[in-house]
Amino acid sequence: MKTALLSTAYLAPVAYYSQFFKYDRVIIEQYCNYIKQTYRNRCTIATTNGLLSLSIPVEKSDSPKIFTKDVRIASHGNWQHLHWNAILSAYNSSPFFEYYMDDFIPFYEKKYNFLFDFNEDLRRLIFQLLDYEPEVTYSGEYLPEALFDFRGSIHPKKDYISSGEIYTPQPYYQVFQEKFGFQPNLSIVDLLFNMGPESVFYLSPKA
């Protein structure tokens, strides 16, 4: 059984979601130390002004190291309102936004204490909307051997697209493509709001 290891991620990029279709099972880590400036608490969407990174604020830990599962979302600021307004502004003219928007609104109204819980509830929603049920488990404190580990490679500051080893982007319709051209590997919501039910076929391995 081919198993991929992924970090938890906030509205992760298309490359992240494509791994669920390539591997028999995906393990999502809980006990690795939390790392800043990763997809764990940020995503990238396309707006009329170009790419925009949305980051969830997290509380500072008293310890220099903290397990990912224990990271708390910071209570200060109005990030949920800001994120939803940004998503609404970016995708309200996309073909499928109105079809899916009511599914996402509760995530920007309900208070979550832990980043991991918020991310995972969103991930489950995404697969529900894709009508796809991958085999997903969560890591214990010790990881099994023989894993395809993508925790460090699927990263906002690493160029893993040009090599094609992890993800080879194929163009799909995007709202602002006439202005900016096709922009690869954006948040999964970019694919979902633009392609709707056909997103599952885009993510599936090509024969």
N, C-alpha and C. Protein backbone atom coordinates (compact mmCIF):
# COMPACT_ATOMS: atom_id res chain seq x y z
N MET A 1 0.84 -1.19 0.00
CA MET A 1 0.00 0.00 0.00
C MET A 1 0.88 1.25 0.00
N LYS A 2 0.70 2.09 -0.99
CA LYS A 2 1.47 3.32 -1.08
C LYS A 2 0.85 4.37 -0.18
N THR A 3 1.67 4.92 0.72
CA THR A 3 1.17 5.85 1.73
C THR A 3 1.91 7.17 1.64
N ALA A 4 1.15 8.27 1.61
CA ALA A 4 1.74 9.61 1.61
C ALA A 4 1.58 10.24 2.98
N LEU A 5 2.56 11.04 3.36
CA LEU A 5 2.53 11.76 4.63
C LEU A 5 2.43 13.25 4.34
N LEU A 6 1.41 13.89 4.87
CA LEU A 6 1.19 15.31 4.64
C LEU A 6 1.02 16.04 5.96
N SER A 7 1.35 17.32 5.96
CA SER A 7 1.01 18.17 7.11
C SER A 7 -0.44 18.59 6.97
N THR A 8 -1.02 19.06 8.06
CA THR A 8 -2.33 19.69 7.94
C THR A 8 -2.15 21.01 7.19
N ALA A 9 -3.20 21.48 6.52
CA ALA A 9 -3.05 22.69 5.72
C ALA A 9 -4.38 23.43 5.61
N TYR A 10 -4.29 24.74 5.53
CA TYR A 10 -5.47 25.59 5.41
C TYR A 10 -5.82 25.80 3.95
N LEU A 11 -6.96 25.27 3.52
CA LEU A 11 -7.39 25.37 2.13
C LEU A 11 -6.18 25.16 1.21
N ALA A 12 -5.60 24.00 1.36
CA ALA A 12 -4.31 23.67 0.74
C ALA A 12 -4.32 23.82 -0.78
N PRO A 13 -3.12 23.92 -1.37
CA PRO A 13 -3.02 24.07 -2.82
C PRO A 13 -3.41 22.80 -3.55
N VAL A 14 -3.61 22.94 -4.84
CA VAL A 14 -4.03 21.82 -5.67
C VAL A 14 -3.03 20.66 -5.60
N ALA A 15 -1.74 20.97 -5.55
CA ALA A 15 -0.73 19.91 -5.46
C ALA A 15 -0.93 19.03 -4.24
N TYR A 16 -1.30 19.65 -3.13
CA TYR A 16 -1.57 18.92 -1.89
C TYR A 16 -2.73 17.96 -2.08
N TYR A 17 -3.83 18.46 -2.62
CA TYR A 17 -5.01 17.61 -2.78
C TYR A 17 -4.81 16.52 -3.82
N SER A 18 -3.94 16.75 -4.78
CA SER A 18 -3.71 15.72 -5.80
C SER A 18 -3.08 14.47 -5.21
N GLN A 19 -2.38 14.60 -4.08
CA GLN A 19 -1.75 13.43 -3.46
C GLN A 19 -2.77 12.43 -2.93
N PHE A 20 -3.94 12.90 -2.55
CA PHE A 20 -4.98 12.01 -2.05
C PHE A 20 -5.50 11.09 -3.16
N PHE A 21 -5.29 11.49 -4.40
CA PHE A 21 -5.74 10.68 -5.53
C PHE A 21 -4.64 9.76 -6.06
N LYS A 22 -3.41 10.05 -5.69
CA LYS A 22 -2.27 9.26 -6.18
C LYS A 22 -1.91 8.10 -5.27
N TYR A 23 -2.25 8.23 -3.98
CA TYR A 23 -1.80 7.25 -3.00
C TYR A 23 -2.97 6.48 -2.40
N ASP A 24 -2.69 5.26 -1.98
CA ASP A 24 -3.75 4.42 -1.41
C ASP A 24 -4.22 4.95 -0.07
N ARG A 25 -3.30 5.56 0.64
CA ARG A 25 -3.63 6.09 1.96
C ARG A 25 -2.82 7.34 2.21
N VAL A 26 -3.39 8.28 2.98
CA VAL A 26 -2.68 9.50 3.38
C VAL A 26 -2.69 9.58 4.90
N ILE A 27 -1.52 9.82 5.47
CA ILE A 27 -1.40 10.07 6.90
C ILE A 27 -1.16 11.57 7.08
N ILE A 28 -1.95 12.19 7.94
CA ILE A 28 -1.76 13.61 8.23
C ILE A 28 -1.10 13.72 9.59
N GLU A 29 0.03 14.41 9.63
CA GLU A 29 0.82 14.47 10.87
C GLU A 29 0.16 15.36 11.91
N GLN A 30 0.30 14.93 13.17
CA GLN A 30 -0.19 15.71 14.30
C GLN A 30 0.92 16.10 15.27
N TYR A 31 1.95 15.23 15.36
CA TYR A 31 2.92 15.36 16.44
C TYR A 31 4.24 16.01 16.04
N CYS A 32 4.39 16.34 14.77
CA CYS A 32 5.62 17.04 14.39
C CYS A 32 5.55 18.49 14.93
N ASN A 33 6.72 19.05 15.17
CA ASN A 33 6.76 20.43 15.67
C ASN A 33 6.19 21.39 14.63
N TYR A 34 5.40 22.33 15.10
CA TYR A 34 4.79 23.30 14.21
C TYR A 34 5.86 24.18 13.57
N ILE A 35 5.71 24.39 12.27
CA ILE A 35 6.65 25.22 11.52
C ILE A 35 5.91 26.41 10.94
N LYS A 36 6.47 27.59 11.11
CA LYS A 36 5.84 28.81 10.61
C LYS A 36 6.05 28.96 9.10
N GLN A 37 5.26 29.84 8.52
CA GLN A 37 5.37 30.22 7.10
C GLN A 37 5.23 29.01 6.17
N THR A 38 4.27 28.16 6.47
CA THR A 38 3.96 27.01 5.63
C THR A 38 2.47 27.05 5.30
N TYR A 39 2.02 26.05 4.55
CA TYR A 39 0.59 25.96 4.23
C TYR A 39 -0.25 25.55 5.44
N ARG A 40 0.38 25.25 6.55
CA ARG A 40 -0.39 24.86 7.73
C ARG A 40 -1.40 25.93 8.13
N ASN A 41 -1.03 27.19 7.96
CA ASN A 41 -1.96 28.26 8.35
C ASN A 41 -2.14 29.32 7.26
N ARG A 42 -1.82 28.97 6.02
CA ARG A 42 -2.00 29.96 4.96
C ARG A 42 -2.39 29.30 3.65
N CYS A 43 -3.04 30.10 2.81
CA CYS A 43 -3.39 29.65 1.46
C CYS A 43 -3.21 30.82 0.51
N THR A 44 -3.24 30.53 -0.78
CA THR A 44 -3.07 31.56 -1.80
C THR A 44 -4.25 31.52 -2.77
N ILE A 45 -4.88 32.66 -2.96
CA ILE A 45 -6.00 32.77 -3.90
C ILE A 45 -5.67 33.80 -4.97
N ALA A 46 -6.45 33.79 -6.04
CA ALA A 46 -6.26 34.75 -7.14
C ALA A 46 -7.30 35.85 -7.01
N THR A 47 -6.85 37.09 -7.06
CA THR A 47 -7.77 38.23 -6.98
C THR A 47 -7.59 39.12 -8.20
N THR A 48 -8.41 40.13 -8.30
CA THR A 48 -8.31 41.05 -9.43
C THR A 48 -6.99 41.82 -9.43
N ASN A 49 -6.31 41.85 -8.28
CA ASN A 49 -5.02 42.53 -8.18
C ASN A 49 -3.83 41.57 -8.19
N GLY A 50 -4.10 40.31 -8.42
CA GLY A 50 -3.02 39.31 -8.43
C GLY A 50 -3.18 38.33 -7.29
N LEU A 51 -2.11 37.61 -6.98
CA LEU A 51 -2.17 36.59 -5.94
C LEU A 51 -2.23 37.23 -4.56
N LEU A 52 -2.98 36.58 -3.68
CA LEU A 52 -3.14 37.06 -2.31
C LEU A 52 -2.97 35.90 -1.35
N SER A 53 -2.10 36.08 -0.36
CA SER A 53 -1.89 35.07 0.67
C SER A 53 -2.75 35.41 1.88
N LEU A 54 -3.51 34.41 2.34
CA LEU A 54 -4.35 34.57 3.52
C LEU A 54 -3.76 33.73 4.64
N SER A 55 -3.47 34.35 5.79
CA SER A 55 -2.83 33.65 6.90
C SER A 55 -3.72 33.68 8.14
N ILE A 56 -3.83 32.53 8.79
CA ILE A 56 -4.56 32.44 10.05
C ILE A 56 -3.60 32.78 11.18
N PRO A 57 -3.91 33.76 12.01
CA PRO A 57 -3.01 34.08 13.13
C PRO A 57 -3.06 32.99 14.19
N VAL A 58 -1.91 32.63 14.71
CA VAL A 58 -1.85 31.60 15.75
C VAL A 58 -1.20 32.17 17.00
N GLU A 59 -1.55 31.58 18.12
CA GLU A 59 -1.00 32.05 19.38
C GLU A 59 0.46 31.65 19.53
N LYS A 60 1.23 32.52 20.15
CA LYS A 60 2.62 32.20 20.42
C LYS A 60 2.69 31.20 21.57
N SER A 61 3.60 30.25 21.43
CA SER A 61 3.76 29.24 22.46
C SER A 61 4.82 29.65 23.47
N ASP A 62 4.63 29.25 24.71
CA ASP A 62 5.64 29.50 25.74
C ASP A 62 6.89 28.66 25.51
N SER A 63 6.72 27.58 24.78
CA SER A 63 7.83 26.68 24.47
C SER A 63 8.33 26.96 23.05
N PRO A 64 9.63 26.81 22.78
CA PRO A 64 10.12 27.01 21.42
C PRO A 64 9.60 25.96 20.44
N LYS A 65 9.11 24.84 20.97
CA LYS A 65 8.57 23.79 20.12
C LYS A 65 7.18 23.41 20.61
N ILE A 66 6.28 23.18 19.67
CA ILE A 66 4.92 22.80 20.00
C ILE A 66 4.40 21.86 18.93
N PHE A 67 3.68 20.81 19.33
CA PHE A 67 3.09 19.90 18.37
C PHE A 67 2.06 20.64 17.52
N THR A 68 1.98 20.26 16.27
CA THR A 68 1.01 20.89 15.37
C THR A 68 -0.41 20.79 15.91
N LYS A 69 -0.76 19.66 16.47
CA LYS A 69 -2.13 19.46 16.95
C LYS A 69 -2.48 20.40 18.11
N ASP A 70 -1.47 20.98 18.76
CA ASP A 70 -1.71 21.83 19.93
C ASP A 70 -1.69 23.32 19.62
N VAL A 71 -1.48 23.67 18.36
CA VAL A 71 -1.42 25.09 17.98
C VAL A 71 -2.82 25.69 18.03
N ARG A 72 -2.94 26.79 18.75
CA ARG A 72 -4.22 27.46 18.91
C ARG A 72 -4.33 28.66 17.96
N ILE A 73 -5.53 28.87 17.47
CA ILE A 73 -5.80 30.04 16.64
C ILE A 73 -5.89 31.26 17.55
N ALA A 74 -5.21 32.33 17.19
CA ALA A 74 -5.21 33.54 18.00
C ALA A 74 -6.60 34.18 17.99
N SER A 75 -7.00 34.68 19.13
CA SER A 75 -8.33 35.27 19.26
C SER A 75 -8.36 36.73 18.84
N HIS A 76 -7.20 37.35 18.73
CA HIS A 76 -7.18 38.77 18.35
C HIS A 76 -7.38 38.94 16.84
N GLY A 77 -7.80 40.11 16.45
CA GLY A 77 -8.00 40.38 15.04
C GLY A 77 -9.33 39.82 14.56
N ASN A 78 -9.67 40.14 13.34
CA ASN A 78 -10.94 39.72 12.76
C ASN A 78 -10.66 38.94 11.48
N TRP A 79 -9.76 37.96 11.60
CA TRP A 79 -9.25 37.27 10.42
C TRP A 79 -10.34 36.53 9.65
N GLN A 80 -11.33 35.95 10.35
CA GLN A 80 -12.37 35.21 9.64
C GLN A 80 -13.16 36.13 8.71
N HIS A 81 -13.51 37.29 9.22
CA HIS A 81 -14.23 38.27 8.41
C HIS A 81 -13.38 38.73 7.22
N LEU A 82 -12.11 38.98 7.47
CA LEU A 82 -11.20 39.44 6.41
C LEU A 82 -11.00 38.36 5.35
N HIS A 83 -10.82 37.12 5.79
CA HIS A 83 -10.60 36.03 4.84
C HIS A 83 -11.84 35.80 3.97
N TRP A 84 -13.00 35.77 4.62
CA TRP A 84 -14.20 35.52 3.84
C TRP A 84 -14.47 36.66 2.85
N ASN A 85 -14.26 37.88 3.26
CA ASN A 85 -14.44 39.00 2.34
C ASN A 85 -13.50 38.91 1.15
N ALA A 86 -12.26 38.46 1.41
CA ALA A 86 -11.28 38.32 0.33
C ALA A 86 -11.71 37.21 -0.63
N ILE A 87 -12.17 36.09 -0.09
CA ILE A 87 -12.63 34.97 -0.92
C ILE A 87 -13.87 35.38 -1.72
N LEU A 88 -14.79 36.08 -1.06
CA LEU A 88 -16.00 36.55 -1.74
C LEU A 88 -15.66 37.50 -2.88
N SER A 89 -14.78 38.44 -2.62
CA SER A 89 -14.39 39.40 -3.65
C SER A 89 -13.69 38.73 -4.82
N ALA A 90 -12.87 37.73 -4.50
CA ALA A 90 -12.09 37.06 -5.55
C ALA A 90 -12.94 36.14 -6.42
N TYR A 91 -13.93 35.46 -5.82
CA TYR A 91 -14.60 34.38 -6.54
C TYR A 91 -16.11 34.55 -6.73
N ASN A 92 -16.66 35.71 -6.37
CA ASN A 92 -18.11 35.84 -6.49
C ASN A 92 -18.59 35.79 -7.93
N SER A 93 -17.69 36.00 -8.88
CA SER A 93 -18.09 35.90 -10.29
C SER A 93 -17.67 34.58 -10.93
N SER A 94 -17.09 33.68 -10.14
CA SER A 94 -16.69 32.37 -10.68
C SER A 94 -17.93 31.50 -10.89
N PRO A 95 -17.87 30.52 -11.78
CA PRO A 95 -19.06 29.77 -12.16
C PRO A 95 -19.76 29.04 -11.02
N PHE A 96 -19.01 28.56 -10.02
CA PHE A 96 -19.61 27.69 -9.01
C PHE A 96 -19.58 28.28 -7.60
N PHE A 97 -19.22 29.54 -7.46
CA PHE A 97 -19.11 30.11 -6.11
C PHE A 97 -20.46 30.10 -5.39
N GLU A 98 -21.51 30.56 -6.04
CA GLU A 98 -22.82 30.59 -5.39
C GLU A 98 -23.31 29.19 -5.05
N TYR A 99 -22.88 28.22 -5.82
CA TYR A 99 -23.29 26.83 -5.58
C TYR A 99 -22.69 26.29 -4.29
N TYR A 100 -21.46 26.73 -3.95
CA TYR A 100 -20.74 26.18 -2.80
C TYR A 100 -20.65 27.14 -1.60
N MET A 101 -20.94 28.39 -1.79
CA MET A 101 -20.61 29.38 -0.76
C MET A 101 -21.25 29.08 0.60
N ASP A 102 -22.49 28.58 0.61
CA ASP A 102 -23.16 28.32 1.87
C ASP A 102 -22.47 27.22 2.68
N ASP A 103 -21.72 26.36 2.00
CA ASP A 103 -20.97 25.32 2.71
C ASP A 103 -19.77 25.90 3.45
N PHE A 104 -19.22 26.99 2.94
CA PHE A 104 -18.01 27.57 3.52
C PHE A 104 -18.29 28.65 4.57
N ILE A 105 -19.41 29.32 4.45
CA ILE A 105 -19.69 30.43 5.36
C ILE A 105 -19.57 30.06 6.84
N PRO A 106 -20.06 28.90 7.28
CA PRO A 106 -19.96 28.57 8.72
C PRO A 106 -18.52 28.55 9.25
N PHE A 107 -17.56 28.25 8.40
CA PHE A 107 -16.17 28.21 8.85
C PHE A 107 -15.63 29.61 9.15
N TYR A 108 -16.33 30.62 8.65
CA TYR A 108 -15.89 31.98 8.87
C TYR A 108 -16.82 32.72 9.85
N GLU A 109 -17.66 31.92 10.52
CA GLU A 109 -18.52 32.45 11.56
C GLU A 109 -18.30 31.75 12.90
N LYS A 110 -18.11 30.44 12.85
CA LYS A 110 -17.90 29.65 14.07
C LYS A 110 -16.47 29.83 14.60
N LYS A 111 -16.34 29.91 15.92
CA LYS A 111 -15.02 30.03 16.52
C LYS A 111 -14.39 28.65 16.68
N TYR A 112 -13.16 28.52 16.24
CA TYR A 112 -12.36 27.31 16.43
C TYR A 112 -11.20 27.65 17.36
N ASN A 113 -10.89 26.74 18.26
CA ASN A 113 -9.75 26.95 19.16
C ASN A 113 -8.44 26.48 18.56
N PHE A 114 -8.49 25.32 17.86
CA PHE A 114 -7.26 24.72 17.37
C PHE A 114 -7.18 24.75 15.85
N LEU A 115 -6.03 25.13 15.34
CA LEU A 115 -5.79 25.20 13.90
C LEU A 115 -6.02 23.85 13.24
N PHE A 116 -5.53 22.79 13.86
CA PHE A 116 -5.66 21.45 13.28
C PHE A 116 -7.13 21.08 13.06
N ASP A 117 -7.97 21.36 14.03
CA ASP A 117 -9.39 21.03 13.91
C ASP A 117 -10.05 21.83 12.80
N PHE A 118 -9.71 23.09 12.72
CA PHE A 118 -10.28 23.95 11.67
C PHE A 118 -9.87 23.44 10.29
N ASN A 119 -8.59 23.17 10.12
CA ASN A 119 -8.09 22.69 8.83
C ASN A 119 -8.74 21.37 8.42
N GLU A 120 -8.83 20.46 9.38
CA GLU A 120 -9.35 19.14 9.05
C GLU A 120 -10.84 19.16 8.75
N ASP A 121 -11.59 19.99 9.43
CA ASP A 121 -13.01 20.11 9.10
C ASP A 121 -13.19 20.69 7.70
N LEU A 122 -12.35 21.64 7.35
CA LEU A 122 -12.39 22.18 5.99
C LEU A 122 -12.00 21.13 4.95
N ARG A 123 -10.97 20.35 5.26
CA ARG A 123 -10.54 19.30 4.33
C ARG A 123 -11.65 18.28 4.10
N ARG A 124 -12.33 17.89 5.17
CA ARG A 124 -13.44 16.95 5.03
C ARG A 124 -14.55 17.53 4.17
N LEU A 125 -14.82 18.82 4.35
CA LEU A 125 -15.83 19.47 3.52
C LEU A 125 -15.43 19.42 2.05
N ILE A 126 -14.17 19.73 1.76
CA ILE A 126 -13.71 19.72 0.38
C ILE A 126 -13.96 18.37 -0.27
N PHE A 127 -13.63 17.29 0.42
CA PHE A 127 -13.82 15.97 -0.16
C PHE A 127 -15.30 15.61 -0.25
N GLN A 128 -16.10 16.11 0.66
CA GLN A 128 -17.54 15.91 0.56
C GLN A 128 -18.07 16.57 -0.71
N LEU A 129 -17.60 17.79 -0.98
CA LEU A 129 -18.04 18.51 -2.18
C LEU A 129 -17.50 17.86 -3.45
N LEU A 130 -16.32 17.25 -3.34
CA LEU A 130 -15.74 16.54 -4.49
C LEU A 130 -16.37 15.17 -4.68
N ASP A 131 -17.16 14.73 -3.70
CA ASP A 131 -17.77 13.41 -3.71
C ASP A 131 -16.70 12.32 -3.84
N TYR A 132 -15.69 12.45 -2.98
CA TYR A 132 -14.56 11.51 -3.00
C TYR A 132 -14.16 11.22 -1.56
N GLU A 133 -13.92 9.95 -1.26
CA GLU A 133 -13.57 9.55 0.10
C GLU A 133 -12.20 8.87 0.12
N PRO A 134 -11.15 9.63 0.35
CA PRO A 134 -9.82 9.03 0.45
C PRO A 134 -9.65 8.33 1.80
N GLU A 135 -8.70 7.42 1.86
CA GLU A 135 -8.38 6.79 3.14
C GLU A 135 -7.39 7.68 3.87
N VAL A 136 -7.83 8.25 4.97
CA VAL A 136 -7.02 9.19 5.73
C VAL A 136 -6.93 8.74 7.18
N THR A 137 -5.72 8.75 7.71
CA THR A 137 -5.49 8.49 9.12
C THR A 137 -4.61 9.61 9.67
N TYR A 138 -4.43 9.60 10.98
CA TYR A 138 -3.61 10.63 11.62
C TYR A 138 -2.41 9.99 12.31
N SER A 139 -1.33 10.69 12.30
CA SER A 139 -0.08 10.14 12.82
C SER A 139 -0.11 10.02 14.33
N GLY A 140 0.58 9.00 14.83
CA GLY A 140 0.86 8.90 16.25
C GLY A 140 2.18 9.63 16.50
N GLU A 141 2.74 9.44 17.67
CA GLU A 141 4.00 10.10 17.98
C GLU A 141 5.16 9.51 17.21
N TYR A 142 4.98 8.28 16.71
CA TYR A 142 6.02 7.63 15.92
C TYR A 142 5.44 7.26 14.57
N LEU A 143 6.14 7.65 13.52
CA LEU A 143 5.64 7.42 12.16
C LEU A 143 6.09 6.06 11.64
N PRO A 144 5.23 5.40 10.86
CA PRO A 144 5.65 4.15 10.24
C PRO A 144 6.69 4.41 9.16
N GLU A 145 7.38 3.35 8.77
CA GLU A 145 8.38 3.49 7.72
C GLU A 145 7.73 3.39 6.34
N ALA A 146 8.54 3.58 5.32
CA ALA A 146 8.10 3.44 3.92
C ALA A 146 6.98 4.41 3.57
N LEU A 147 7.21 5.67 3.89
CA LEU A 147 6.25 6.72 3.56
C LEU A 147 6.80 7.63 2.47
N PHE A 148 5.90 8.19 1.68
CA PHE A 148 6.27 9.25 0.75
C PHE A 148 5.96 10.56 1.48
N ASP A 149 7.00 11.19 1.98
CA ASP A 149 6.86 12.33 2.89
C ASP A 149 6.86 13.65 2.11
N PHE A 150 5.72 14.35 2.12
CA PHE A 150 5.59 15.62 1.40
C PHE A 150 5.48 16.82 2.33
N ARG A 151 5.72 16.61 3.62
CA ARG A 151 5.54 17.70 4.58
C ARG A 151 6.46 18.89 4.30
N GLY A 152 7.68 18.61 3.92
CA GLY A 152 8.62 19.69 3.68
C GLY A 152 8.69 20.13 2.24
N SER A 153 8.22 19.29 1.33
CA SER A 153 8.37 19.60 -0.10
C SER A 153 7.21 20.41 -0.66
N ILE A 154 5.98 20.17 -0.19
CA ILE A 154 4.86 21.00 -0.62
C ILE A 154 4.84 22.22 0.30
N HIS A 155 5.48 23.27 -0.16
CA HIS A 155 5.80 24.42 0.69
C HIS A 155 5.68 25.69 -0.14
N PRO A 156 5.14 26.77 0.41
CA PRO A 156 4.95 27.99 -0.39
C PRO A 156 6.23 28.63 -0.89
N LYS A 157 7.37 28.29 -0.30
CA LYS A 157 8.62 28.91 -0.72
C LYS A 157 9.53 27.96 -1.49
N LYS A 158 8.99 26.81 -1.90
CA LYS A 158 9.80 25.85 -2.66
C LYS A 158 9.22 25.65 -4.05
N ASP A 159 10.08 25.61 -5.03
CA ASP A 159 9.66 25.43 -6.41
C ASP A 159 9.65 23.93 -6.73
N TYR A 160 8.51 23.30 -6.48
CA TYR A 160 8.38 21.88 -6.76
C TYR A 160 7.53 21.62 -8.00
N ILE A 161 7.07 22.70 -8.63
CA ILE A 161 6.18 22.54 -9.78
C ILE A 161 6.97 22.33 -11.07
N SER A 162 8.05 23.10 -11.24
CA SER A 162 8.79 23.03 -12.49
C SER A 162 9.39 21.65 -12.74
N SER A 163 9.72 20.93 -11.67
CA SER A 163 10.30 19.60 -11.83
C SER A 163 9.25 18.57 -12.24
N GLY A 164 8.00 18.82 -11.88
CA GLY A 164 6.93 17.89 -12.22
C GLY A 164 6.94 16.63 -11.40
N GLU A 165 7.79 16.53 -10.40
CA GLU A 165 7.88 15.30 -9.62
C GLU A 165 6.70 15.13 -8.66
N ILE A 166 6.21 16.22 -8.12
CA ILE A 166 5.11 16.15 -7.17
C ILE A 166 3.79 16.50 -7.83
N TYR A 167 3.83 17.49 -8.70
CA TYR A 167 2.60 17.98 -9.31
C TYR A 167 2.92 18.66 -10.63
N THR A 168 2.22 18.28 -11.67
CA THR A 168 2.38 18.91 -12.97
C THR A 168 1.09 19.66 -13.29
N PRO A 169 1.10 20.98 -13.22
CA PRO A 169 -0.14 21.73 -13.42
C PRO A 169 -0.66 21.65 -14.84
N GLN A 170 -1.97 21.49 -14.95
CA GLN A 170 -2.66 21.53 -16.22
C GLN A 170 -3.64 22.70 -16.17
N PRO A 171 -3.64 23.55 -17.18
CA PRO A 171 -4.52 24.73 -17.13
C PRO A 171 -6.00 24.36 -17.01
N TYR A 172 -6.72 25.14 -16.26
CA TYR A 172 -8.17 25.07 -16.19
C TYR A 172 -8.68 26.51 -16.19
N TYR A 173 -9.97 26.68 -16.37
CA TYR A 173 -10.52 28.03 -16.42
C TYR A 173 -10.33 28.73 -15.08
N GLN A 174 -9.86 29.99 -15.13
CA GLN A 174 -9.76 30.84 -13.96
C GLN A 174 -10.37 32.20 -14.28
N VAL A 175 -10.99 32.82 -13.31
CA VAL A 175 -11.71 34.08 -13.52
C VAL A 175 -10.82 35.16 -14.10
N PHE A 176 -9.58 35.24 -13.61
CA PHE A 176 -8.71 36.34 -14.03
C PHE A 176 -7.63 35.91 -15.02
N GLN A 177 -7.88 34.83 -15.75
CA GLN A 177 -6.84 34.31 -16.64
C GLN A 177 -6.55 35.25 -17.81
N GLU A 178 -7.53 36.01 -18.26
CA GLU A 178 -7.26 36.95 -19.35
C GLU A 178 -6.33 38.07 -18.90
N LYS A 179 -6.34 38.38 -17.62
CA LYS A 179 -5.50 39.44 -17.08
C LYS A 179 -4.11 38.95 -16.70
N PHE A 180 -4.05 37.76 -16.09
CA PHE A 180 -2.77 37.27 -15.55
C PHE A 180 -2.28 35.98 -16.20
N GLY A 181 -3.09 35.37 -17.07
CA GLY A 181 -2.74 34.05 -17.57
C GLY A 181 -3.07 33.00 -16.51
N PHE A 182 -2.86 31.74 -16.84
CA PHE A 182 -3.14 30.68 -15.88
C PHE A 182 -2.14 30.72 -14.73
N GLN A 183 -2.66 30.66 -13.50
CA GLN A 183 -1.82 30.69 -12.31
C GLN A 183 -1.94 29.33 -11.61
N PRO A 184 -0.87 28.56 -11.62
CA PRO A 184 -0.95 27.18 -11.12
C PRO A 184 -0.87 27.06 -9.61
N ASN A 185 -1.41 25.97 -9.12
CA ASN A 185 -1.24 25.54 -7.74
C ASN A 185 -1.75 26.53 -6.71
N LEU A 186 -2.89 27.11 -7.01
CA LEU A 186 -3.54 27.97 -6.02
C LEU A 186 -4.31 27.10 -5.03
N SER A 187 -4.96 27.73 -4.07
CA SER A 187 -5.78 27.01 -3.12
C SER A 187 -6.82 26.15 -3.83
N ILE A 188 -7.17 25.05 -3.19
CA ILE A 188 -8.17 24.14 -3.76
C ILE A 188 -9.48 24.87 -4.06
N VAL A 189 -9.79 25.95 -3.34
CA VAL A 189 -11.05 26.65 -3.62
C VAL A 189 -11.03 27.33 -4.99
N ASP A 190 -9.85 27.67 -5.48
CA ASP A 190 -9.76 28.25 -6.82
C ASP A 190 -10.23 27.24 -7.85
N LEU A 191 -9.78 26.01 -7.71
CA LEU A 191 -10.21 24.95 -8.62
C LEU A 191 -11.70 24.66 -8.43
N LEU A 192 -12.13 24.54 -7.20
CA LEU A 192 -13.52 24.17 -6.92
C LEU A 192 -14.50 25.22 -7.41
N PHE A 193 -14.22 26.50 -7.12
CA PHE A 193 -15.16 27.55 -7.51
C PHE A 193 -15.18 27.77 -9.02
N ASN A 194 -14.08 27.46 -9.69
CA ASN A 194 -14.02 27.65 -11.14
C ASN A 194 -14.48 26.43 -11.93
N MET A 195 -14.24 25.24 -11.40
CA MET A 195 -14.52 24.02 -12.16
C MET A 195 -15.65 23.17 -11.59
N GLY A 196 -16.05 23.42 -10.37
CA GLY A 196 -17.16 22.69 -9.79
C GLY A 196 -16.94 21.19 -9.75
N PRO A 197 -17.96 20.40 -10.08
CA PRO A 197 -17.85 18.94 -10.01
C PRO A 197 -16.74 18.34 -10.87
N GLU A 198 -16.32 19.07 -11.89
CA GLU A 198 -15.24 18.56 -12.75
C GLU A 198 -13.89 18.59 -12.04
N SER A 199 -13.81 19.23 -10.89
CA SER A 199 -12.54 19.30 -10.14
C SER A 199 -11.99 17.93 -9.83
N VAL A 200 -12.87 16.99 -9.54
CA VAL A 200 -12.42 15.64 -9.17
C VAL A 200 -11.68 14.98 -10.33
N PHE A 201 -12.09 15.25 -11.55
CA PHE A 201 -11.43 14.68 -12.71
C PHE A 201 -10.08 15.35 -12.94
N TYR A 202 -9.99 16.63 -12.62
CA TYR A 202 -8.72 17.33 -12.74
C TYR A 202 -7.69 16.77 -11.77
N LEU A 203 -8.13 16.43 -10.57
CA LEU A 203 -7.23 15.94 -9.54
C LEU A 203 -6.83 14.48 -9.73
N SER A 204 -7.67 13.73 -10.40
CA SER A 204 -7.41 12.30 -10.56
C SER A 204 -6.22 12.07 -11.50
N PRO A 205 -5.39 11.04 -11.23
CA PRO A 205 -4.25 10.75 -12.10
C PRO A 205 -4.72 10.49 -13.52
N LYS A 206 -3.99 11.06 -14.47
CA LYS A 206 -4.35 10.86 -15.87
C LYS A 206 -3.83 9.51 -16.35
N ALA A 207 -4.61 8.85 -17.16
CA ALA A 207 -4.21 7.54 -17.69
C ALA A 207 -3.05 7.69 -18.64
